[in-house]
Amino acid sequence: MPTSVSGTGYDLVDELMPEGFDWENLVRTYPIPALLLAGIGGFLLGRQRGPAVLRALSLFAAAEVSKNVNVILGQEIL
């Protein structure tokens, strides 16, 4: 099992946190409070900016699907 997982979400959190802040260790140490904090933050963000967040996620998902289809087919058709 890898010790560090990479991905868009991890990259975003790393970018938002101060330099040298080990947020992954904090989440491993306190998983329930971290999950509750993420849930409350998601709820508040959704209430205030729901349509904008959905629009941005839809555009991101469509771009990723297009990119992956192009890679699979080996040509740029989308």
N, C-alpha and C. Protein backbone atom coordinates (compact mmCIF):
# COMPACT_ATOMS: atom_id res chain seq x y z
N MET A 1 0.84 -1.18 0.00
CA MET A 1 0.00 0.00 0.00
C MET A 1 0.89 1.24 0.00
N PRO A 2 0.65 2.21 -0.94
CA PRO A 2 1.50 3.38 -1.01
C PRO A 2 1.32 4.28 0.21
N THR A 3 2.38 4.96 0.59
CA THR A 3 2.30 5.86 1.73
C THR A 3 1.72 7.20 1.35
N SER A 4 1.81 7.58 0.09
CA SER A 4 1.28 8.86 -0.35
C SER A 4 0.47 8.66 -1.62
N VAL A 5 -0.73 9.15 -1.61
CA VAL A 5 -1.61 9.02 -2.76
C VAL A 5 -1.60 10.35 -3.50
N SER A 6 -1.51 10.28 -4.83
CA SER A 6 -1.54 11.52 -5.60
C SER A 6 -2.83 11.59 -6.37
N GLY A 7 -3.23 12.77 -6.70
CA GLY A 7 -4.45 12.97 -7.46
C GLY A 7 -4.83 14.43 -7.43
N THR A 8 -5.87 14.77 -8.15
CA THR A 8 -6.29 16.15 -8.26
C THR A 8 -6.70 16.73 -6.90
N GLY A 9 -7.45 15.95 -6.11
CA GLY A 9 -7.86 16.42 -4.79
C GLY A 9 -6.69 16.66 -3.87
N TYR A 10 -5.75 15.74 -3.87
CA TYR A 10 -4.56 15.89 -3.03
C TYR A 10 -3.74 17.08 -3.47
N ASP A 11 -3.60 17.25 -4.77
CA ASP A 11 -2.83 18.39 -5.28
C ASP A 11 -3.48 19.71 -4.89
N LEU A 12 -4.81 19.76 -4.95
CA LEU A 12 -5.54 20.97 -4.58
C LEU A 12 -5.35 21.29 -3.10
N VAL A 13 -5.49 20.28 -2.25
CA VAL A 13 -5.32 20.50 -0.81
C VAL A 13 -3.89 20.92 -0.51
N ASP A 14 -2.91 20.27 -1.14
CA ASP A 14 -1.51 20.65 -0.94
C ASP A 14 -1.26 22.10 -1.34
N GLU A 15 -1.93 22.54 -2.39
CA GLU A 15 -1.75 23.91 -2.87
C GLU A 15 -2.38 24.92 -1.91
N LEU A 16 -3.48 24.54 -1.28
CA LEU A 16 -4.19 25.47 -0.39
C LEU A 16 -3.56 25.56 1.00
N MET A 17 -2.89 24.51 1.43
CA MET A 17 -2.32 24.49 2.79
C MET A 17 -0.97 25.21 2.81
N PRO A 18 -0.62 25.75 3.99
CA PRO A 18 0.69 26.41 4.11
C PRO A 18 1.84 25.43 3.87
N GLU A 19 2.95 25.97 3.42
CA GLU A 19 4.14 25.16 3.14
C GLU A 19 4.59 24.42 4.39
N GLY A 20 4.84 23.13 4.25
CA GLY A 20 5.32 22.33 5.37
C GLY A 20 4.22 21.77 6.27
N PHE A 21 2.96 22.07 6.00
CA PHE A 21 1.85 21.57 6.80
C PHE A 21 1.53 20.15 6.36
N ASP A 22 1.65 19.18 7.26
CA ASP A 22 1.42 17.77 6.94
C ASP A 22 -0.04 17.41 7.20
N TRP A 23 -0.91 17.78 6.29
CA TRP A 23 -2.34 17.55 6.47
C TRP A 23 -2.70 16.06 6.39
N GLU A 24 -1.95 15.28 5.61
CA GLU A 24 -2.24 13.84 5.51
C GLU A 24 -2.05 13.15 6.86
N ASN A 25 -1.00 13.49 7.58
CA ASN A 25 -0.76 12.91 8.90
C ASN A 25 -1.85 13.34 9.88
N LEU A 26 -2.28 14.57 9.77
CA LEU A 26 -3.35 15.08 10.64
C LEU A 26 -4.66 14.31 10.40
N VAL A 27 -4.97 14.03 9.13
CA VAL A 27 -6.18 13.28 8.80
C VAL A 27 -6.05 11.84 9.28
N ARG A 28 -4.86 11.24 9.15
CA ARG A 28 -4.66 9.87 9.65
C ARG A 28 -4.80 9.80 11.18
N THR A 29 -4.34 10.84 11.85
CA THR A 29 -4.39 10.87 13.31
C THR A 29 -5.81 11.13 13.83
N TYR A 30 -6.56 12.00 13.16
CA TYR A 30 -7.90 12.38 13.59
C TYR A 30 -8.90 12.21 12.44
N PRO A 31 -9.20 10.98 12.05
CA PRO A 31 -10.04 10.77 10.87
C PRO A 31 -11.49 11.24 11.02
N ILE A 32 -12.10 11.02 12.18
CA ILE A 32 -13.50 11.40 12.36
C ILE A 32 -13.67 12.93 12.34
N PRO A 33 -12.89 13.70 13.11
CA PRO A 33 -13.02 15.16 13.01
C PRO A 33 -12.71 15.69 11.60
N ALA A 34 -11.75 15.07 10.92
CA ALA A 34 -11.41 15.51 9.56
C ALA A 34 -12.59 15.27 8.62
N LEU A 35 -13.24 14.12 8.76
CA LEU A 35 -14.39 13.81 7.93
C LEU A 35 -15.55 14.74 8.23
N LEU A 36 -15.79 15.02 9.51
CA LEU A 36 -16.85 15.96 9.88
C LEU A 36 -16.58 17.36 9.34
N LEU A 37 -15.34 17.81 9.45
CA LEU A 37 -14.97 19.13 8.95
C LEU A 37 -15.15 19.21 7.43
N ALA A 38 -14.74 18.16 6.73
CA ALA A 38 -14.91 18.14 5.27
C ALA A 38 -16.39 18.14 4.90
N GLY A 39 -17.20 17.38 5.64
CA GLY A 39 -18.63 17.35 5.37
C GLY A 39 -19.30 18.69 5.60
N ILE A 40 -18.96 19.35 6.70
CA ILE A 40 -19.54 20.67 7.00
C ILE A 40 -19.08 21.68 5.96
N GLY A 41 -17.80 21.63 5.60
CA GLY A 41 -17.30 22.55 4.57
C GLY A 41 -17.98 22.32 3.23
N GLY A 42 -18.17 21.06 2.84
CA GLY A 42 -18.86 20.75 1.59
C GLY A 42 -20.31 21.21 1.61
N PHE A 43 -20.97 21.03 2.75
CA PHE A 43 -22.36 21.48 2.88
C PHE A 43 -22.45 22.99 2.72
N LEU A 44 -21.60 23.72 3.44
CA LEU A 44 -21.63 25.18 3.36
C LEU A 44 -21.27 25.69 1.96
N LEU A 45 -20.28 25.07 1.36
CA LEU A 45 -19.90 25.45 0.00
C LEU A 45 -21.04 25.19 -0.97
N GLY A 46 -21.70 24.04 -0.82
CA GLY A 46 -22.81 23.70 -1.69
C GLY A 46 -23.99 24.64 -1.53
N ARG A 47 -24.25 25.07 -0.31
CA ARG A 47 -25.36 25.99 -0.09
C ARG A 47 -25.10 27.35 -0.73
N GLN A 48 -23.87 27.82 -0.66
CA GLN A 48 -23.55 29.15 -1.16
C GLN A 48 -23.22 29.16 -2.65
N ARG A 49 -22.51 28.17 -3.11
CA ARG A 49 -21.99 28.18 -4.48
C ARG A 49 -22.34 26.92 -5.26
N GLY A 50 -23.43 26.25 -4.91
CA GLY A 50 -23.81 24.98 -5.52
C GLY A 50 -23.81 24.97 -7.04
N PRO A 51 -24.58 25.87 -7.68
CA PRO A 51 -24.62 25.85 -9.15
C PRO A 51 -23.27 26.10 -9.81
N ALA A 52 -22.48 27.00 -9.25
CA ALA A 52 -21.16 27.29 -9.83
C ALA A 52 -20.23 26.09 -9.67
N VAL A 53 -20.30 25.41 -8.52
CA VAL A 53 -19.45 24.24 -8.30
C VAL A 53 -19.85 23.12 -9.25
N LEU A 54 -21.15 22.88 -9.39
CA LEU A 54 -21.61 21.84 -10.32
C LEU A 54 -21.20 22.14 -11.75
N ARG A 55 -21.29 23.39 -12.15
CA ARG A 55 -20.89 23.78 -13.51
C ARG A 55 -19.40 23.53 -13.72
N ALA A 56 -18.58 23.92 -12.74
CA ALA A 56 -17.14 23.72 -12.85
C ALA A 56 -16.79 22.23 -12.88
N LEU A 57 -17.43 21.43 -12.02
CA LEU A 57 -17.17 19.99 -12.01
C LEU A 57 -17.61 19.34 -13.31
N SER A 58 -18.73 19.79 -13.88
CA SER A 58 -19.20 19.25 -15.15
C SER A 58 -18.22 19.54 -16.27
N LEU A 59 -17.72 20.76 -16.32
CA LEU A 59 -16.74 21.13 -17.35
C LEU A 59 -15.45 20.33 -17.18
N PHE A 60 -15.00 20.16 -15.95
CA PHE A 60 -13.79 19.38 -15.68
C PHE A 60 -13.99 17.93 -16.10
N ALA A 61 -15.14 17.34 -15.73
CA ALA A 61 -15.41 15.94 -16.07
C ALA A 61 -15.47 15.76 -17.59
N ALA A 62 -16.13 16.68 -18.29
CA ALA A 62 -16.22 16.57 -19.74
C ALA A 62 -14.84 16.66 -20.39
N ALA A 63 -13.99 17.55 -19.89
CA ALA A 63 -12.64 17.68 -20.44
C ALA A 63 -11.83 16.41 -20.19
N GLU A 64 -11.95 15.83 -19.00
CA GLU A 64 -11.22 14.60 -18.67
C GLU A 64 -11.70 13.43 -19.53
N VAL A 65 -13.00 13.32 -19.73
CA VAL A 65 -13.53 12.24 -20.57
C VAL A 65 -13.02 12.39 -21.99
N SER A 66 -13.06 13.62 -22.53
CA SER A 66 -12.55 13.86 -23.89
C SER A 66 -11.08 13.49 -24.00
N LYS A 67 -10.31 13.90 -23.01
CA LYS A 67 -8.87 13.61 -23.03
C LYS A 67 -8.63 12.10 -23.01
N ASN A 68 -9.33 11.39 -22.15
CA ASN A 68 -9.13 9.95 -22.03
C ASN A 68 -9.62 9.20 -23.26
N VAL A 69 -10.71 9.63 -23.87
CA VAL A 69 -11.18 9.00 -25.11
C VAL A 69 -10.16 9.22 -26.21
N ASN A 70 -9.60 10.40 -26.31
CA ASN A 70 -8.58 10.69 -27.30
C ASN A 70 -7.35 9.81 -27.10
N VAL A 71 -6.95 9.62 -25.86
CA VAL A 71 -5.79 8.77 -25.56
C VAL A 71 -6.09 7.32 -25.97
N ILE A 72 -7.27 6.85 -25.63
CA ILE A 72 -7.64 5.46 -25.95
C ILE A 72 -7.69 5.25 -27.45
N LEU A 73 -8.25 6.18 -28.16
CA LEU A 73 -8.37 6.03 -29.62
C LEU A 73 -7.09 6.39 -30.34
N GLY A 74 -6.17 7.06 -29.67
CA GLY A 74 -4.89 7.38 -30.28
C GLY A 74 -4.93 8.54 -31.26
N GLN A 75 -5.99 9.27 -31.23
CA GLN A 75 -6.09 10.43 -32.11
C GLN A 75 -7.00 11.46 -31.48
N GLU A 76 -6.89 12.66 -31.92
CA GLU A 76 -7.73 13.71 -31.37
C GLU A 76 -8.96 13.88 -32.24
N ILE A 77 -10.08 13.36 -31.76
CA ILE A 77 -11.32 13.50 -32.51
C ILE A 77 -12.37 14.29 -31.77
N LEU A 78 -12.18 14.48 -30.47
CA LEU A 78 -13.15 15.24 -29.68
C LEU A 78 -12.58 16.59 -29.30
